[in-house]
Protein backbone atom coordinates (compact mmCIF):
# COMPACT_ATOMS: atom_id res chain seq x y z
CA MET A 1 -18.66 -8.74 -2.93
CA SER A 2 -16.60 -6.25 -1.08
CA ALA A 3 -13.52 -4.11 -1.84
CA ILE A 4 -10.78 -2.23 -0.06
CA ILE A 5 -9.78 1.33 -1.05
CA TYR A 6 -6.38 2.45 0.10
CA ARG A 7 -3.43 4.54 -0.79
CA PRO A 8 -0.19 2.50 -1.05
CA SER A 9 2.69 3.42 1.21
CA ARG A 10 6.17 4.16 0.08
CA ASN A 11 8.48 1.27 -0.76
CA ALA A 12 10.81 0.55 2.19
CA MET A 13 13.78 -0.12 -0.09
CA GLN A 14 13.68 3.22 -1.90
CA SER A 15 13.59 6.82 -0.74
CA GLY A 16 11.27 8.02 -3.58
CA LYS A 17 7.53 8.35 -3.37
CA GLY A 18 6.61 6.86 -6.73
CA LYS A 19 3.30 4.96 -6.97
CA THR A 20 1.99 6.48 -3.76
CA LYS A 21 -0.14 9.33 -5.11
CA HIS A 22 -3.00 7.25 -6.44
CA TRP A 23 -5.81 5.43 -4.56
CA VAL A 24 -6.16 1.70 -5.26
CA LEU A 25 -9.33 -0.43 -5.19
CA VAL A 26 -8.84 -4.18 -4.71
CA HIS A 27 -11.46 -6.83 -4.20
CA GLU A 28 -11.37 -8.93 -1.09
CA ARG A 29 -10.83 -12.62 -1.39
CA THR A 30 -14.04 -14.66 -1.55
CA ALA A 31 -12.56 -18.11 -2.12
CA ALA A 32 -9.67 -19.75 -0.32
CA ARG A 33 -6.43 -20.53 -2.12
CA GLN A 34 -5.72 -24.19 -2.84
CA ILE A 35 -2.58 -26.10 -3.85
CA GLU A 36 -2.69 -27.56 -7.31
CA PRO A 37 -1.82 -31.22 -6.87
CA LEU A 38 0.30 -31.81 -10.04
CA MET A 39 2.69 -28.87 -9.97
CA GLY A 40 2.23 -27.61 -6.45
CA TYR A 41 1.19 -24.08 -7.50
CA THR A 42 -1.09 -22.08 -5.31
CA SER A 43 -4.28 -21.14 -7.17
CA SER A 44 -7.71 -19.70 -6.56
CA SER A 45 -10.99 -19.74 -8.46
CA ASP A 46 -11.58 -16.11 -7.52
CA MET A 47 -10.60 -13.97 -10.51
CA ASP A 48 -11.52 -10.65 -8.97
CA THR A 49 -8.54 -10.70 -6.67
CA GLN A 50 -6.27 -10.16 -9.77
CA VAL A 51 -7.85 -6.73 -10.51
CA ARG A 52 -6.25 -3.57 -9.09
CA LEU A 53 -7.88 -0.33 -10.17
CA LYS A 54 -6.07 3.01 -9.71
CA PHE A 55 -7.92 6.34 -9.15
CA ASN A 56 -6.59 9.86 -8.83
CA SER A 57 -8.66 10.63 -5.75
CA LEU A 58 -10.54 8.87 -3.01
CA GLU A 59 -13.81 10.36 -4.21
CA GLU A 60 -13.37 8.76 -7.64
CA ALA A 61 -12.77 5.36 -6.07
CA GLU A 62 -15.82 5.60 -3.79
CA GLU A 63 -17.97 6.75 -6.71
CA TYR A 64 -16.84 3.75 -8.79
CA ALA A 65 -17.60 1.34 -5.92
CA LYS A 66 -21.07 2.79 -5.50
CA ARG A 67 -21.78 2.60 -9.24
CA GLN A 68 -20.77 -1.02 -9.34
CA GLY A 69 -22.71 -1.86 -6.20
CA LEU A 70 -19.68 -2.94 -4.17
CA ALA A 71 -19.53 -2.82 -0.45
CA TYR A 72 -16.27 -1.12 0.37
CA ARG A 73 -14.12 0.05 3.22
CA VAL A 74 -11.50 2.77 3.14
CA GLN A 75 -8.17 2.49 4.88
CA PRO A 76 -6.94 5.95 5.80
CA ALA A 77 -3.88 7.25 4.06
CA HIS A 78 -0.63 7.08 6.00
CA GLN A 79 1.31 10.36 6.00
CA ALA A 80 5.03 9.79 6.61
CA THR A 81 6.81 12.22 8.85
CA PRO A 82 9.93 13.65 7.21
CA LYS A 83 13.10 12.94 9.20
CA ARG A 84 15.67 15.69 8.69
CA SER A 85 19.32 14.98 9.20
CA VAL A 86 22.28 17.28 8.81
CA TYR A 87 25.76 15.88 8.20
CA THR A 88 27.43 18.41 10.46
CA ASP A 89 25.35 17.15 13.46
CA ASN A 90 27.60 14.12 13.50
CA PHE A 91 30.48 16.28 14.70
CA GLN A 92 28.71 18.39 17.35
CA HIS A 93 30.55 18.52 20.67
CA ASP A 94 27.31 18.05 22.70
CA ARG A 95 26.28 14.76 21.09
CA LYS A 96 24.55 12.18 23.39
CA THR A 97 26.85 9.44 22.09
CA PRO A 98 30.37 10.06 20.92
CA TRP A 99 31.07 9.77 17.18
CA THR A 100 33.91 7.52 16.28
CA HIS A 101 35.35 5.91 13.17
């Protein structure tokens, strides 16, 4: 059984950084999903994929994986670059493209 340790990125629909400070450990899928014939739901017999564990640091997540005997891989954390914008820049006389209404 193997796991992935990563730090979630910011939600694209919001400007806040909520839920991006923790590291998450998820188990990789070991069984394929199948379509349930009666209702058409997608299901799987792999229950470990439903577990998401949150940790305050990468070291804690790695320590947990080693204690449990999990093979794991770490995805590097993505650091967003802040994009600064100033309202008055819309009205500068030396803009590359003219500002119109």
